[in-house]
């Protein structure tokens, strides 16, 4: 999304927060500033939501969602694990 004006800021913030909540629910706890995979998925989901194509996100990113969820589950099971 190449948005060069601030009139969409509130809507984008709302969509970003919805995306974070959705992915936290699907994958488990993550920190956006530390997990690049989670950050990328949040941005991609927001892009799909912004373009009214959210129904395609889960199918198109299923592998990445599963990978993130698995890495979070492994980290939670072993705090010393590096995935």
N, C-alpha and C. Protein backbone atom coordinates (compact mmCIF):
# COMPACT_ATOMS: atom_id res chain seq x y z
N UNK A 1 0.86 -1.17 0.00
CA UNK A 1 0.00 0.00 0.00
C UNK A 1 0.90 1.23 0.00
N UNK A 2 0.74 2.02 -0.99
CA UNK A 2 1.51 3.26 -1.07
C UNK A 2 0.56 4.41 -0.81
N UNK A 3 0.43 4.76 0.45
CA UNK A 3 -0.48 5.83 0.85
C UNK A 3 0.36 7.02 1.25
N UNK A 4 0.16 8.13 0.58
CA UNK A 4 1.01 9.30 0.81
C UNK A 4 0.28 10.43 1.53
N UNK A 5 -0.85 10.13 2.12
CA UNK A 5 -1.60 11.14 2.85
C UNK A 5 -2.02 10.57 4.19
N UNK A 6 -2.41 11.42 5.10
CA UNK A 6 -2.72 10.97 6.46
C UNK A 6 -4.21 10.72 6.70
N UNK A 7 -5.04 10.92 5.70
CA UNK A 7 -6.48 10.76 5.90
C UNK A 7 -6.88 9.31 6.20
N UNK A 8 -6.03 8.35 5.85
CA UNK A 8 -6.32 6.93 6.08
C UNK A 8 -5.72 6.42 7.40
N UNK A 9 -5.01 7.25 8.13
CA UNK A 9 -4.26 6.79 9.31
C UNK A 9 -5.14 6.06 10.33
N UNK A 10 -6.27 6.61 10.67
CA UNK A 10 -7.12 5.98 11.68
C UNK A 10 -7.64 4.62 11.20
N UNK A 11 -8.03 4.55 9.96
CA UNK A 11 -8.51 3.29 9.40
C UNK A 11 -7.38 2.25 9.37
N UNK A 12 -6.19 2.65 8.97
CA UNK A 12 -5.06 1.72 8.93
C UNK A 12 -4.67 1.24 10.32
N UNK A 13 -4.70 2.13 11.29
CA UNK A 13 -4.41 1.73 12.67
C UNK A 13 -5.43 0.71 13.17
N UNK A 14 -6.67 0.94 12.82
CA UNK A 14 -7.73 0.01 13.21
C UNK A 14 -7.54 -1.34 12.54
N UNK A 15 -7.23 -1.35 11.26
CA UNK A 15 -7.00 -2.61 10.54
C UNK A 15 -5.76 -3.33 11.07
N UNK A 16 -4.71 -2.59 11.40
CA UNK A 16 -3.51 -3.19 11.97
C UNK A 16 -3.82 -3.85 13.31
N UNK A 17 -4.60 -3.16 14.14
CA UNK A 17 -4.92 -3.74 15.45
C UNK A 17 -5.78 -4.99 15.29
N UNK A 18 -6.71 -4.99 14.35
CA UNK A 18 -7.52 -6.19 14.09
C UNK A 18 -6.63 -7.35 13.62
N UNK A 19 -5.65 -7.04 12.78
CA UNK A 19 -4.75 -8.07 12.27
C UNK A 19 -3.89 -8.65 13.38
N UNK A 20 -3.41 -7.80 14.27
CA UNK A 20 -2.61 -8.28 15.40
C UNK A 20 -3.43 -9.23 16.26
N UNK A 21 -4.64 -8.83 16.60
CA UNK A 21 -5.51 -9.65 17.44
C UNK A 21 -5.80 -10.99 16.76
N UNK A 22 -6.10 -10.95 15.48
CA UNK A 22 -6.42 -12.18 14.75
C UNK A 22 -5.23 -13.14 14.75
N UNK A 23 -4.04 -12.64 14.47
CA UNK A 23 -2.86 -13.51 14.43
C UNK A 23 -2.43 -13.96 15.81
N UNK A 24 -2.62 -13.15 16.82
CA UNK A 24 -2.36 -13.60 18.19
C UNK A 24 -3.27 -14.77 18.54
N UNK A 25 -4.52 -14.66 18.13
CA UNK A 25 -5.49 -15.72 18.39
C UNK A 25 -5.12 -17.01 17.65
N UNK A 26 -4.66 -16.89 16.42
CA UNK A 26 -4.32 -18.06 15.61
C UNK A 26 -2.98 -18.68 15.97
N UNK A 27 -2.00 -17.84 16.32
CA UNK A 27 -0.62 -18.32 16.43
C UNK A 27 -0.07 -18.33 17.85
N UNK A 28 -0.60 -17.52 18.73
CA UNK A 28 -0.04 -17.40 20.07
C UNK A 28 0.66 -16.07 20.24
N UNK A 29 1.25 -15.90 21.41
CA UNK A 29 1.88 -14.62 21.77
C UNK A 29 3.15 -14.36 20.96
N UNK A 30 3.27 -13.16 20.43
CA UNK A 30 4.48 -12.71 19.75
C UNK A 30 4.66 -11.22 20.00
N UNK A 31 5.87 -10.76 19.80
CA UNK A 31 6.16 -9.33 19.90
C UNK A 31 6.51 -8.83 18.51
N UNK A 32 5.77 -7.86 18.04
CA UNK A 32 5.97 -7.37 16.68
C UNK A 32 7.37 -6.85 16.44
N UNK A 33 7.93 -6.17 17.43
CA UNK A 33 9.25 -5.58 17.23
C UNK A 33 10.37 -6.62 17.25
N UNK A 34 10.06 -7.86 17.65
CA UNK A 34 11.08 -8.91 17.73
C UNK A 34 10.86 -10.04 16.74
N UNK A 35 9.69 -10.18 16.18
CA UNK A 35 9.38 -11.31 15.31
C UNK A 35 9.00 -10.80 13.92
N UNK A 36 9.95 -10.90 13.00
CA UNK A 36 9.73 -10.38 11.64
C UNK A 36 8.65 -11.15 10.89
N UNK A 37 8.55 -12.46 11.14
CA UNK A 37 7.49 -13.23 10.47
C UNK A 37 6.12 -12.75 10.91
N UNK A 38 5.96 -12.51 12.19
CA UNK A 38 4.68 -12.02 12.69
C UNK A 38 4.37 -10.63 12.11
N UNK A 39 5.38 -9.79 12.07
CA UNK A 39 5.19 -8.44 11.54
C UNK A 39 4.77 -8.49 10.08
N UNK A 40 5.42 -9.34 9.30
CA UNK A 40 5.07 -9.47 7.89
C UNK A 40 3.63 -9.95 7.73
N UNK A 41 3.23 -10.94 8.51
CA UNK A 41 1.86 -11.44 8.42
C UNK A 41 0.84 -10.38 8.83
N UNK A 42 1.15 -9.58 9.84
CA UNK A 42 0.25 -8.50 10.24
C UNK A 42 0.08 -7.52 9.08
N UNK A 43 1.19 -7.14 8.46
CA UNK A 43 1.11 -6.21 7.32
C UNK A 43 0.34 -6.82 6.15
N UNK A 44 0.60 -8.08 5.85
CA UNK A 44 -0.10 -8.73 4.74
C UNK A 44 -1.60 -8.84 5.01
N UNK A 45 -1.97 -9.24 6.23
CA UNK A 45 -3.39 -9.35 6.57
C UNK A 45 -4.06 -7.98 6.47
N UNK A 46 -3.36 -6.95 6.92
CA UNK A 46 -3.90 -5.59 6.85
C UNK A 46 -4.08 -5.17 5.41
N UNK A 47 -3.13 -5.53 4.56
CA UNK A 47 -3.25 -5.20 3.12
C UNK A 47 -4.47 -5.88 2.52
N UNK A 48 -4.69 -7.13 2.85
CA UNK A 48 -5.87 -7.84 2.36
C UNK A 48 -7.15 -7.18 2.89
N UNK A 49 -7.16 -6.83 4.17
CA UNK A 49 -8.35 -6.19 4.75
C UNK A 49 -8.61 -4.84 4.09
N UNK A 50 -7.55 -4.07 3.87
CA UNK A 50 -7.67 -2.75 3.25
C UNK A 50 -8.26 -2.85 1.84
N UNK A 51 -7.90 -3.91 1.15
CA UNK A 51 -8.36 -4.09 -0.23
C UNK A 51 -9.61 -4.97 -0.34
N UNK A 52 -10.32 -5.15 0.78
CA UNK A 52 -11.56 -5.93 0.81
C UNK A 52 -11.39 -7.33 0.23
N UNK A 53 -10.27 -7.97 0.58
CA UNK A 53 -10.01 -9.32 0.09
C UNK A 53 -9.62 -10.25 1.25
N UNK A 54 -10.09 -9.93 2.44
CA UNK A 54 -9.69 -10.67 3.63
C UNK A 54 -10.04 -12.16 3.56
N UNK A 55 -11.08 -12.50 2.81
CA UNK A 55 -11.47 -13.91 2.72
C UNK A 55 -10.40 -14.78 2.06
N UNK A 56 -9.43 -14.18 1.38
CA UNK A 56 -8.37 -14.92 0.72
C UNK A 56 -7.10 -15.04 1.55
N UNK A 57 -6.98 -14.25 2.61
CA UNK A 57 -5.74 -14.20 3.38
C UNK A 57 -5.36 -15.55 3.97
N UNK A 58 -6.29 -16.20 4.69
CA UNK A 58 -5.95 -17.45 5.37
C UNK A 58 -5.47 -18.52 4.39
N UNK A 59 -6.14 -18.67 3.27
CA UNK A 59 -5.72 -19.67 2.28
C UNK A 59 -4.37 -19.32 1.67
N UNK A 60 -4.17 -18.06 1.34
CA UNK A 60 -2.93 -17.66 0.68
C UNK A 60 -1.72 -17.67 1.60
N UNK A 61 -1.93 -17.54 2.89
CA UNK A 61 -0.82 -17.47 3.85
C UNK A 61 -0.86 -18.60 4.87
N UNK A 62 -1.54 -19.69 4.54
CA UNK A 62 -1.68 -20.80 5.49
C UNK A 62 -0.33 -21.34 5.94
N UNK A 63 0.60 -21.53 5.02
CA UNK A 63 1.91 -22.06 5.40
C UNK A 63 2.64 -21.13 6.36
N UNK A 64 2.60 -19.83 6.10
CA UNK A 64 3.29 -18.88 6.96
C UNK A 64 2.62 -18.78 8.34
N UNK A 65 1.28 -18.84 8.37
CA UNK A 65 0.55 -18.81 9.64
C UNK A 65 0.90 -20.05 10.46
N UNK A 66 0.89 -21.21 9.83
CA UNK A 66 1.25 -22.45 10.52
C UNK A 66 2.69 -22.42 11.01
N UNK A 67 3.58 -21.92 10.19
CA UNK A 67 5.00 -21.84 10.56
C UNK A 67 5.19 -20.92 11.77
N UNK A 68 4.53 -19.79 11.77
CA UNK A 68 4.62 -18.87 12.91
C UNK A 68 4.05 -19.52 14.17
N UNK A 69 2.89 -20.14 14.04
CA UNK A 69 2.28 -20.79 15.19
C UNK A 69 3.16 -21.90 15.75
N UNK A 70 3.77 -22.67 14.87
CA UNK A 70 4.65 -23.75 15.31
C UNK A 70 5.89 -23.20 16.01
N UNK A 71 6.49 -22.17 15.45
CA UNK A 71 7.68 -21.61 16.08
C UNK A 71 7.36 -21.01 17.44
N UNK A 72 6.19 -20.41 17.58
CA UNK A 72 5.78 -19.86 18.88
C UNK A 72 5.54 -21.00 19.86
N UNK A 73 4.88 -22.06 19.42
CA UNK A 73 4.63 -23.20 20.30
C UNK A 73 5.94 -23.84 20.76
N UNK A 74 6.89 -23.97 19.86
CA UNK A 74 8.18 -24.54 20.23
C UNK A 74 8.93 -23.65 21.22
N UNK A 75 8.87 -22.35 21.01
CA UNK A 75 9.51 -21.41 21.93
C UNK A 75 8.88 -21.48 23.30
N UNK A 76 7.55 -21.58 23.35
CA UNK A 76 6.86 -21.66 24.64
C UNK A 76 7.19 -22.95 25.37
N UNK A 77 7.41 -24.03 24.63
CA UNK A 77 7.75 -25.30 25.24
C UNK A 77 9.18 -25.35 25.72
N UNK A 78 10.09 -24.63 25.04
CA UNK A 78 11.49 -24.60 25.42
C UNK A 78 11.99 -23.16 25.29
N UNK A 79 12.07 -22.44 26.41
CA UNK A 79 12.46 -21.02 26.35
C UNK A 79 13.83 -20.79 25.73
N UNK A 80 14.68 -21.83 25.70
CA UNK A 80 16.02 -21.68 25.12
C UNK A 80 16.05 -22.02 23.64
N UNK A 81 14.93 -22.49 23.10
CA UNK A 81 14.89 -22.89 21.69
C UNK A 81 14.99 -21.67 20.81
N UNK A 82 15.75 -21.80 19.75
CA UNK A 82 15.91 -20.73 18.77
C UNK A 82 15.36 -21.22 17.46
N UNK A 83 14.18 -20.71 17.08
CA UNK A 83 13.54 -21.14 15.84
C UNK A 83 13.47 -19.98 14.89
